[in-house]
Amino acid sequence: MLTLDLTGKTALVAGSTQGIGLASAKELADLGANCILIARNEQALQEAVKTLDASKGQQHSYLVADFSNPAQVQEVVASYAQQHTIHILINNSGGPAAGPIVDAKPEAFIAAFQQHLICNHMLVTTLLPKMKEAGYGRIINVISTSVKVPLKGLGVSNTIRGAVASWAKTMANEVASFGITVNNVLPGATSTGRLEAIINNKASKTGIAQDEIEKEMLEEIPARRFGRPEEIAGVIAFLASPAAAYVNGTSTPVDGGRTGSI
């Protein structure tokens, strides 16, 4: 019987001290999963772990690694994976700085490619062997609606997010026969530090008041509001569950209807 229950499953959640990452870890823990948080700030990780539900006997912990250093990420996760099976991987990392693509420096593309695609790939290839042994794997990449429709003023992000989506679709085709799925969740404008930074950056560059920028953004969203991190997390948790066993290779917008494509 297909279920949302994740008891006995272990999830590695990246970027999980705040925003969508932390909300996802909380949702997975509520469904019974053991959660391993990974980010660069150890103090924030310690505080985040304390917020996770453990009423079903879940064992939560954390790993410290900086996603601007792919080799460190791989070393830390590979060491942990030697002794543990991770069934669910949530790839989630802060997006590149905003700005027009014509102003982007080559090193900005390289840094973003390493932080997102290379780190994602290293994590997946490190965890795949034990996912295959378990006959269960869920790889979920938190990307952006820009993989459907590029967003203004996010040149580097649009480019790298699209690369990650293509990588994920290719991976999905190659691992599905082992009981492993790969899916992308595409958040729209969500009330996180990332959204606040984008609004502040635009305000400082254009001189337009922040509330006016927010008003313009909201007018593009049929729901007429920004999303909440837990709303993105709910979709992530479903894709991580046994109930989503036949959902594979998808890119799902969670954006209040803003994306202008089917």
C-alpha atoms as a PDB file:
ATOM      1  CA  MET A   1       0.000   0.000   0.000  1.00  0.00           C
ATOM      2  CA  LEU A   2       1.388   3.401  -0.950  1.00  0.00           C
ATOM      3  CA  THR A   3       1.678   5.801   1.945  1.00  0.00           C
ATOM      4  CA  LEU A   4       3.122   9.120   3.038  1.00  0.00           C
ATOM      5  CA  ASP A   5       4.746   7.448   6.043  1.00  0.00           C
ATOM      6  CA  LEU A   6       8.536   7.864   6.089  1.00  0.00           C
ATOM      7  CA  THR A   7       9.226   5.912   9.273  1.00  0.00           C
ATOM      8  CA  GLY A   8      12.566   4.143   8.964  1.00  0.00           C
ATOM      9  CA  LYS A   9      13.748   6.380   6.128  1.00  0.00           C
ATOM     10  CA  THR A  10      16.658   8.800   6.424  1.00  0.00           C
ATOM     11  CA  ALA A  11      16.789  12.126   4.591  1.00  0.00           C
ATOM     12  CA  LEU A  12      19.755  14.369   3.893  1.00  0.00           C
ATOM     13  CA  VAL A  13      18.514  17.951   3.545  1.00  0.00           C
ATOM     14  CA  ALA A  14      20.834  20.638   2.191  1.00  0.00           C
ATOM     15  CA  GLY A  15      20.552  24.310   3.041  1.00  0.00           C
ATOM     16  CA  SER A  16      18.399  23.325   5.981  1.00  0.00           C
ATOM     17  CA  THR A  17      19.004  25.978   8.629  1.00  0.00           C
ATOM     18  CA  GLN A  18      16.338  28.307   7.227  1.00  0.00           C
ATOM     19  CA  GLY A  19      13.712  28.865   4.555  1.00  0.00           C
ATOM     20  CA  ILE A  20      12.580  26.050   2.290  1.00  0.00           C
ATOM     21  CA  GLY A  21      15.340  23.708   3.452  1.00  0.00           C
ATOM     22  CA  LEU A  22      14.387  23.874   7.128  1.00  0.00           C
ATOM     23  CA  ALA A  23      10.668  23.717   6.318  1.00  0.00           C
ATOM     24  CA  SER A  24      11.321  20.563   4.269  1.00  0.00           C
ATOM     25  CA  ALA A  25      13.253  18.926   7.083  1.00  0.00           C
ATOM     26  CA  LYS A  26      10.410  19.675   9.498  1.00  0.00           C
ATOM     27  CA  GLU A  27       7.843  18.177   7.120  1.00  0.00           C
ATOM     28  CA  LEU A  28       9.917  15.042   6.529  1.00  0.00           C
ATOM     29  CA  ALA A  29      10.444  14.624  10.265  1.00  0.00           C
ATOM     30  CA  ASP A  30       6.704  14.998  10.865  1.00  0.00           C
ATOM     31  CA  LEU A  31       6.203  12.053   8.480  1.00  0.00           C
ATOM     32  CA  GLY A  32       8.623   9.953  10.520  1.00  0.00           C
ATOM     33  CA  ALA A  33      11.932  10.397   8.700  1.00  0.00           C
ATOM     34  CA  ASN A  34      15.310  10.707  10.361  1.00  0.00           C
ATOM     35  CA  CYS A  35      16.763  13.982   9.103  1.00  0.00           C
ATOM     36  CA  ILE A  36      20.408  14.826   8.552  1.00  0.00           C
ATOM     37  CA  LEU A  37      20.794  18.559   8.049  1.00  0.00           C
ATOM     38  CA  ILE A  38      23.754  19.889   6.082  1.00  0.00           C
ATOM     39  CA  ALA A  39      24.886  23.512   5.823  1.00  0.00           C
ATOM     40  CA  ARG A  40      27.956  25.593   6.665  1.00  0.00           C
ATOM     41  CA  ASN A  41      26.871  27.230   9.940  1.00  0.00           C
ATOM     42  CA  GLU A  42      27.222  24.723  12.773  1.00  0.00           C
ATOM     43  CA  GLN A  43      25.500  26.847  15.399  1.00  0.00           C
ATOM     44  CA  ALA A  44      22.489  27.353  13.127  1.00  0.00           C
ATOM     45  CA  LEU A  45      22.445  23.615  12.396  1.00  0.00           C
ATOM     46  CA  GLN A  46      22.401  22.807  16.109  1.00  0.00           C
ATOM     47  CA  GLU A  47      19.433  25.107  16.625  1.00  0.00           C
ATOM     48  CA  ALA A  48      17.605  23.773  13.567  1.00  0.00           C
ATOM     49  CA  VAL A  49      17.904  20.141  14.685  1.00  0.00           C
ATOM     50  CA  LYS A  50      16.169  21.048  17.953  1.00  0.00           C
ATOM     51  CA  THR A  51      13.062  22.132  16.028  1.00  0.00           C
ATOM     52  CA  LEU A  52      12.502  18.735  14.359  1.00  0.00           C
ATOM     53  CA  ASP A  53       9.831  16.341  15.605  1.00  0.00           C
ATOM     54  CA  ALA A  54      11.247  13.233  17.281  1.00  0.00           C
ATOM     55  CA  SER A  55       8.046  11.833  18.786  1.00  0.00           C
ATOM     56  CA  LYS A  56       8.231   8.665  16.672  1.00  0.00           C
ATOM     57  CA  GLY A  57      11.768   7.863  17.761  1.00  0.00           C
ATOM     58  CA  GLN A  58      13.438   9.708  14.887  1.00  0.00           C
ATOM     59  CA  GLN A  59      17.176  10.283  15.187  1.00  0.00           C
ATOM     60  CA  HIS A  60      18.202  13.661  13.794  1.00  0.00           C
ATOM     61  CA  SER A  61      21.712  15.031  13.316  1.00  0.00           C
ATOM     62  CA  TYR A  62      23.719  17.369  11.125  1.00  0.00           C
ATOM     63  CA  LEU A  63      26.800  17.666   8.925  1.00  0.00           C
ATOM     64  CA  VAL A  64      28.855  20.810   8.401  1.00  0.00           C
ATOM     65  CA  ALA A  65      29.930  21.632   4.845  1.00  0.00           C
ATOM     66  CA  ASP A  66      30.142  24.657   2.579  1.00  0.00           C
ATOM     67  CA  PHE A  67      28.554  24.180  -0.851  1.00  0.00           C
ATOM     68  CA  SER A  68      31.006  26.636  -2.382  1.00  0.00           C
ATOM     69  CA  ASN A  69      33.554  23.858  -1.786  1.00  0.00           C
ATOM     70  CA  PRO A  70      32.304  20.720  -3.624  1.00  0.00           C
ATOM     71  CA  ALA A  71      35.263  18.589  -2.521  1.00  0.00           C
ATOM     72  CA  GLN A  72      34.466  19.300   1.135  1.00  0.00           C
ATOM     73  CA  VAL A  73      30.803  18.461   0.609  1.00  0.00           C
ATOM     74  CA  GLN A  74      31.667  15.135  -0.984  1.00  0.00           C
ATOM     75  CA  GLU A  75      34.198  14.240   1.708  1.00  0.00           C
ATOM     76  CA  VAL A  76      31.810  14.986   4.565  1.00  0.00           C
ATOM     77  CA  VAL A  77      28.861  13.135   3.030  1.00  0.00           C
ATOM     78  CA  ALA A  78      30.921  10.166   1.810  1.00  0.00           C
ATOM     79  CA  SER A  79      32.293   9.666   5.311  1.00  0.00           C
ATOM     80  CA  TYR A  80      28.783   9.655   6.775  1.00  0.00           C
ATOM     81  CA  ALA A  81      27.406   7.410   4.029  1.00  0.00           C
ATOM     82  CA  GLN A  82      29.959   4.704   4.750  1.00  0.00           C
ATOM     83  CA  GLN A  83      28.056   3.850   7.923  1.00  0.00           C
ATOM     84  CA  HIS A  84      24.519   4.966   7.045  1.00  0.00           C
ATOM     85  CA  THR A  85      21.943   4.564   4.284  1.00  0.00           C
ATOM     86  CA  ILE A  86      20.350   7.785   3.084  1.00  0.00           C
ATOM     87  CA  HIS A  87      17.079   7.162   1.248  1.00  0.00           C
ATOM     88  CA  ILE A  88      16.075  10.765   0.493  1.00  0.00           C
ATOM     89  CA  LEU A  89      18.251  13.591  -0.787  1.00  0.00           C
ATOM     90  CA  ILE A  90      16.993  17.167  -0.911  1.00  0.00           C
ATOM     91  CA  ASN A  91      19.359  19.258  -3.024  1.00  0.00           C
ATOM     92  CA  ASN A  92      18.805  22.852  -1.965  1.00  0.00           C
ATOM     93  CA  SER A  93      21.274  25.717  -2.090  1.00  0.00           C
ATOM     94  CA  GLY A  94      21.011  29.496  -2.156  1.00  0.00           C
ATOM     95  CA  GLY A  95      20.763  30.991  -5.619  1.00  0.00           C
ATOM     96  CA  PRO A  96      23.366  33.120  -7.441  1.00  0.00           C
ATOM     97  CA  ALA A  97      23.355  36.880  -7.088  1.00  0.00           C
ATOM     98  CA  ALA A  98      20.799  38.765  -9.155  1.00  0.00           C
ATOM     99  CA  GLY A  99      21.759  40.824 -12.184  1.00  0.00           C
ATOM    100  CA  PRO A 100      21.494  40.999 -15.980  1.00  0.00           C
ATOM    101  CA  ILE A 101      23.271  38.250 -17.871  1.00  0.00           C
ATOM    102  CA  VAL A 102      25.206  40.785 -19.969  1.00  0.00           C
ATOM    103  CA  ASP A 103      26.904  42.033 -16.805  1.00  0.00           C
ATOM    104  CA  ALA A 104      27.791  38.558 -15.501  1.00  0.00           C
ATOM    105  CA  LYS A 105      31.452  37.627 -15.192  1.00  0.00           C
ATOM    106  CA  PRO A 106      32.595  34.151 -16.316  1.00  0.00           C
ATOM    107  CA  GLU A 107      33.653  33.310 -12.767  1.00  0.00           C
ATOM    108  CA  ALA A 108      30.061  33.868 -11.585  1.00  0.00           C
ATOM    109  CA  PHE A 109      28.846  31.095 -13.896  1.00  0.00           C
ATOM    110  CA  ILE A 110      31.658  28.789 -12.783  1.00  0.00           C
ATOM    111  CA  ALA A 111      30.977  29.351  -9.085  1.00  0.00           C
ATOM    112  CA  ALA A 112      27.234  28.787  -9.506  1.00  0.00           C
ATOM    113  CA  PHE A 113      27.784  25.680 -11.627  1.00  0.00           C
ATOM    114  CA  GLN A 114      30.029  24.208  -8.936  1.00  0.00           C
ATOM    115  CA  GLN A 115      27.693  25.102  -6.072  1.00  0.00           C
ATOM    116  CA  HIS A 116      24.585  23.735  -7.723  1.00  0.00           C
ATOM    117  CA  LEU A 117      25.161  21.156 -10.425  1.00  0.00           C
ATOM    118  CA  ILE A 118      28.535  19.774  -9.308  1.00  0.00           C
ATOM    119  CA  CYS A 119      27.555  19.505  -5.632  1.00  0.00           C
ATOM    120  CA  ASN A 120      24.236  17.904  -6.604  1.00  0.00           C
ATOM    121  CA  HIS A 121      26.014  15.392  -8.801  1.00  0.00           C
ATOM    122  CA  MET A 122      28.604  14.537  -6.164  1.00  0.00           C
ATOM    123  CA  LEU A 123      25.910  13.949  -3.557  1.00  0.00           C
ATOM    124  CA  VAL A 124      23.826  11.767  -5.848  1.00  0.00           C
ATOM    125  CA  THR A 125      26.709   9.603  -7.023  1.00  0.00           C
ATOM    126  CA  THR A 126      27.905   9.208  -3.442  1.00  0.00           C
ATOM    127  CA  LEU A 127      24.502   8.087  -2.157  1.00  0.00           C
ATOM    128  CA  LEU A 128      23.287   6.035  -5.140  1.00  0.00           C
ATOM    129  CA  PRO A 129      24.942   2.698  -4.251  1.00  0.00           C
ATOM    130  CA  LYS A 130      23.075   2.346  -0.952  1.00  0.00           C
ATOM    131  CA  MET A 131      19.838   3.684  -2.442  1.00  0.00           C
ATOM    132  CA  LYS A 132      20.112   0.881  -5.007  1.00  0.00           C
ATOM    133  CA  GLU A 133      20.743  -1.671  -2.264  1.00  0.00           C
ATOM    134  CA  ALA A 134      17.696  -0.437  -0.371  1.00  0.00           C
ATOM    135  CA  GLY A 135      15.545  -0.417  -3.502  1.00  0.00           C
ATOM    136  CA  TYR A 136      14.335   3.036  -2.482  1.00  0.00           C
ATOM    137  CA  GLY A 137      15.619   6.469  -3.363  1.00  0.00           C
ATOM    138  CA  ARG A 138      14.153   9.933  -3.666  1.00  0.00           C
ATOM    139  CA  ILE A 139      16.284  12.717  -5.146  1.00  0.00           C
ATOM    140  CA  ILE A 140      14.528  16.079  -5.067  1.00  0.00           C
ATOM    141  CA  ASN A 141      16.128  19.230  -6.403  1.00  0.00           C
ATOM    142  CA  VAL A 142      14.829  22.592  -5.268  1.00  0.00           C
ATOM    143  CA  ILE A 143      15.411  24.806  -8.303  1.00  0.00           C
ATOM    144  CA  SER A 144      13.255  27.656  -9.648  1.00  0.00           C
ATOM    145  CA  THR A 145      10.395  28.358 -12.013  1.00  0.00           C
ATOM    146  CA  SER A 146      13.062  29.901 -14.252  1.00  0.00           C
ATOM    147  CA  VAL A 147      13.601  26.452 -15.778  1.00  0.00           C
ATOM    148  CA  LYS A 148      10.164  26.927 -17.368  1.00  0.00           C
ATOM    149  CA  VAL A 149      10.281  30.676 -18.056  1.00  0.00           C
ATOM    150  CA  PRO A 150      13.513  32.652 -17.438  1.00  0.00           C
ATOM    151  CA  LEU A 151      13.111  35.416 -14.874  1.00  0.00           C
ATOM    152  CA  LYS A 152      14.149  39.014 -15.505  1.00  0.00           C
ATOM    153  CA  GLY A 153      17.320  40.116 -13.781  1.00  0.00           C
ATOM    154  CA  LEU A 154      18.482  36.617 -12.845  1.00  0.00           C
ATOM    155  CA  GLY A 155      20.859  35.855 -15.690  1.00  0.00           C
ATOM    156  CA  VAL A 156      23.309  33.513 -13.974  1.00  0.00           C
ATOM    157  CA  SER A 157      20.558  31.800 -11.988  1.00  0.00           C
ATOM    158  CA  ASN A 158      18.423  31.178 -15.085  1.00  0.00           C
ATOM    159  CA  THR A 159      21.392  29.582 -16.843  1.00  0.00           C
ATOM    160  CA  ILE A 160      22.504  27.301 -14.034  1.00  0.00           C
ATOM    161  CA  ARG A 161      18.996  26.297 -12.919  1.00  0.00           C
ATOM    162  CA  GLY A 162      18.262  25.159 -16.461  1.00  0.00           C
ATOM    163  CA  ALA A 163      21.415  23.041 -16.463  1.00  0.00           C
ATOM    164  CA  VAL A 164      20.401  21.393 -13.189  1.00  0.00           C
ATOM    165  CA  ALA A 165      16.937  20.586 -14.561  1.00  0.00           C
ATOM    166  CA  SER A 166      18.422  18.883 -17.638  1.00  0.00           C
ATOM    167  CA  TRP A 167      20.903  16.961 -15.493  1.00  0.00           C
ATOM    168  CA  ALA A 168      18.057  15.793 -13.232  1.00  0.00           C
ATOM    169  CA  LYS A 169      15.901  14.606 -16.137  1.00  0.00           C
ATOM    170  CA  THR A 170      18.828  12.619 -17.517  1.00  0.00           C
ATOM    171  CA  MET A 171      19.548  11.098 -14.099  1.00  0.00           C
ATOM    172  CA  ALA A 172      15.877  10.200 -13.628  1.00  0.00           C
ATOM    173  CA  ASN A 173      15.929   8.086 -16.775  1.00  0.00           C
ATOM    174  CA  GLU A 174      19.017   6.193 -15.648  1.00  0.00           C
ATOM    175  CA  VAL A 175      18.068   5.276 -12.064  1.00  0.00           C
ATOM    176  CA  ALA A 176      14.309   4.642 -12.223  1.00  0.00           C
ATOM    177  CA  SER A 177      14.677   0.873 -12.603  1.00  0.00           C
ATOM    178  CA  PHE A 178      16.283   0.707  -9.137  1.00  0.00           C
ATOM    179  CA  GLY A 179      13.255   2.177  -7.344  1.00  0.00           C
ATOM    180  CA  ILE A 180      14.838   5.624  -7.332  1.00  0.00           C
ATOM    181  CA  THR A 181      13.087   8.758  -8.554  1.00  0.00           C
ATOM    182  CA  VAL A 182      14.506  12.170  -9.430  1.00  0.00           C
ATOM    183  CA  ASN A 183      12.235  15.199  -9.459  1.00  0.00           C
ATOM    184  CA  ASN A 184      12.555  18.974  -9.385  1.00  0.00           C
ATOM    185  CA  VAL A 185      10.444  21.337  -7.313  1.00  0.00           C
ATOM    186  CA  LEU A 186      10.275  24.856  -8.717  1.00  0.00           C
ATOM    187  CA  PRO A 187       9.378  27.436  -6.073  1.00  0.00           C
ATOM    188  CA  GLY A 188       7.940  30.730  -7.187  1.00  0.00           C
ATOM    189  CA  ALA A 189       8.229  33.890  -5.106  1.00  0.00           C
ATOM    190  CA  THR A 190       8.428  32.537  -1.564  1.00  0.00           C
ATOM    191  CA  SER A 191       8.793  34.477   1.682  1.00  0.00           C
ATOM    192  CA  THR A 192      12.440  33.668   2.409  1.00  0.00           C
ATOM    193  CA  GLY A 193      15.691  35.545   2.831  1.00  0.00           C
ATOM    194  CA  ARG A 194      16.406  34.938  -0.865  1.00  0.00           C
ATOM    195  CA  LEU A 195      13.265  36.828  -1.922  1.00  0.00           C
ATOM    196  CA  GLU A 196      14.052  39.655   0.474  1.00  0.00           C
ATOM    197  CA  ALA A 197      17.570  39.928  -0.984  1.00  0.00           C
ATOM    198  CA  ILE A 198      16.226  40.072  -4.544  1.00  0.00           C
ATOM    199  CA  ILE A 199      13.783  42.840  -3.627  1.00  0.00           C
ATOM    200  CA  ASN A 200      16.442  44.807  -1.732  1.00  0.00           C
ATOM    201  CA  ASN A 201      18.892  44.461  -4.604  1.00  0.00           C
ATOM    202  CA  LYS A 202      16.353  45.741  -7.134  1.00  0.00           C
ATOM    203  CA  ALA A 203      15.384  48.613  -4.877  1.00  0.00           C
ATOM    204  CA  SER A 204      18.983  49.711  -4.404  1.00  0.00           C
ATOM    205  CA  LYS A 205      19.705  49.571  -8.147  1.00  0.00           C
ATOM    206  CA  THR A 206      16.517  51.231  -9.402  1.00  0.00           C
ATOM    207  CA  GLY A 207      15.569  53.573  -6.567  1.00  0.00           C
ATOM    208  CA  ILE A 208      12.067  52.092  -6.536  1.00  0.00           C
ATOM    209  CA  ALA A 209      10.587  51.609  -3.071  1.00  0.00           C
ATOM    210  CA  GLN A 210      10.543  48.031  -1.788  1.00  0.00           C
ATOM    211  CA  ASP A 211       6.794  48.020  -1.250  1.00  0.00           C
ATOM    212  CA  GLU A 212       6.265  49.098  -4.868  1.00  0.00           C
ATOM    213  CA  ILE A 213       8.491  46.264  -6.068  1.00  0.00           C
ATOM    214  CA  GLU A 214       6.538  43.803  -3.940  1.00  0.00           C
ATOM    215  CA  LYS A 215       3.260  45.153  -5.321  1.00  0.00           C
ATOM    216  CA  GLU A 216       4.460  44.636  -8.899  1.00  0.00           C
ATOM    217  CA  MET A 217       5.547  41.083  -8.104  1.00  0.00           C
ATOM    218  CA  LEU A 218       2.243  40.215  -6.460  1.00  0.00           C
ATOM    219  CA  GLU A 219       0.306  41.464  -9.480  1.00  0.00           C
ATOM    220  CA  GLU A 220       2.004  38.714 -11.540  1.00  0.00           C
ATOM    221  CA  ILE A 221       0.836  35.983  -9.159  1.00  0.00           C
ATOM    222  CA  PRO A 222      -2.772  34.792  -9.593  1.00  0.00           C
ATOM    223  CA  ALA A 223      -2.886  33.834  -5.898  1.00  0.00           C
ATOM    224  CA  ARG A 224      -1.962  37.466  -5.097  1.00  0.00           C
ATOM    225  CA  ARG A 225       0.444  36.502  -2.348  1.00  0.00           C
ATOM    226  CA  PHE A 226       3.915  35.098  -1.847  1.00  0.00           C
ATOM    227  CA  GLY A 227       4.302  31.439  -1.013  1.00  0.00           C
ATOM    228  CA  ARG A 228       5.238  30.128   2.401  1.00  0.00           C
ATOM    229  CA  PRO A 229       8.238  27.803   2.835  1.00  0.00           C
ATOM    230  CA  GLU A 230       6.018  25.094   4.309  1.00  0.00           C
ATOM    231  CA  GLU A 231       3.885  25.104   1.153  1.00  0.00           C
ATOM    232  CA  ILE A 232       6.944  24.215  -0.915  1.00  0.00           C
ATOM    233  CA  ALA A 233       7.943  21.679   1.716  1.00  0.00           C
ATOM    234  CA  GLY A 234       4.598  19.890   1.444  1.00  0.00           C
ATOM    235  CA  VAL A 235       5.227  19.120  -2.227  1.00  0.00           C
ATOM    236  CA  ILE A 236       8.780  18.012  -1.457  1.00  0.00           C
ATOM    237  CA  ALA A 237       7.569  15.674   1.277  1.00  0.00           C
ATOM    238  CA  PHE A 238       5.026  14.069  -1.046  1.00  0.00           C
ATOM    239  CA  LEU A 239       7.685  13.434  -3.687  1.00  0.00           C
ATOM    240  CA  ALA A 240       9.894  11.885  -0.993  1.00  0.00           C
ATOM    241  CA  SER A 241       7.182   9.437   0.053  1.00  0.00           C
ATOM    242  CA  PRO A 242       6.247   5.943  -1.166  1.00  0.00           C
ATOM    243  CA  ALA A 243       3.031   7.459  -2.524  1.00  0.00           C
ATOM    244  CA  ALA A 244       5.069   9.232  -5.218  1.00  0.00           C
ATOM    245  CA  ALA A 245       6.782   6.071  -6.492  1.00  0.00           C
ATOM    246  CA  TYR A 246       5.579   6.592 -10.087  1.00  0.00           C
ATOM    247  CA  VAL A 247       6.392  10.314 -10.250  1.00  0.00           C
ATOM    248  CA  ASN A 248       9.759  10.604 -11.939  1.00  0.00           C
ATOM    249  CA  GLY A 249      11.639  13.124 -14.050  1.00  0.00           C
ATOM    250  CA  THR A 250       9.229  15.991 -13.406  1.00  0.00           C
ATOM    251  CA  SER A 251       9.706  19.715 -12.812  1.00  0.00           C
ATOM    252  CA  THR A 252       6.782  20.964 -10.724  1.00  0.00           C
ATOM    253  CA  PRO A 253       6.146  24.706 -10.216  1.00  0.00           C
ATOM    254  CA  VAL A 254       4.838  25.693  -6.798  1.00  0.00           C
ATOM    255  CA  ASP A 255       4.197  29.335  -7.504  1.00  0.00           C
ATOM    256  CA  GLY A 256       0.556  30.314  -7.041  1.00  0.00           C
ATOM    257  CA  GLY A 257       0.022  30.040 -10.781  1.00  0.00           C
ATOM    258  CA  ARG A 258       2.579  32.647 -11.873  1.00  0.00           C
ATOM    259  CA  THR A 259       4.528  30.611 -14.433  1.00  0.00           C
ATOM    260  CA  GLY A 260       3.240  31.451 -17.892  1.00  0.00           C
ATOM    261  CA  SER A 261       3.556  27.970 -19.393  1.00  0.00           C
ATOM    262  CA  ILE A 262       1.860  24.605 -19.073  1.00  0.00           C
END
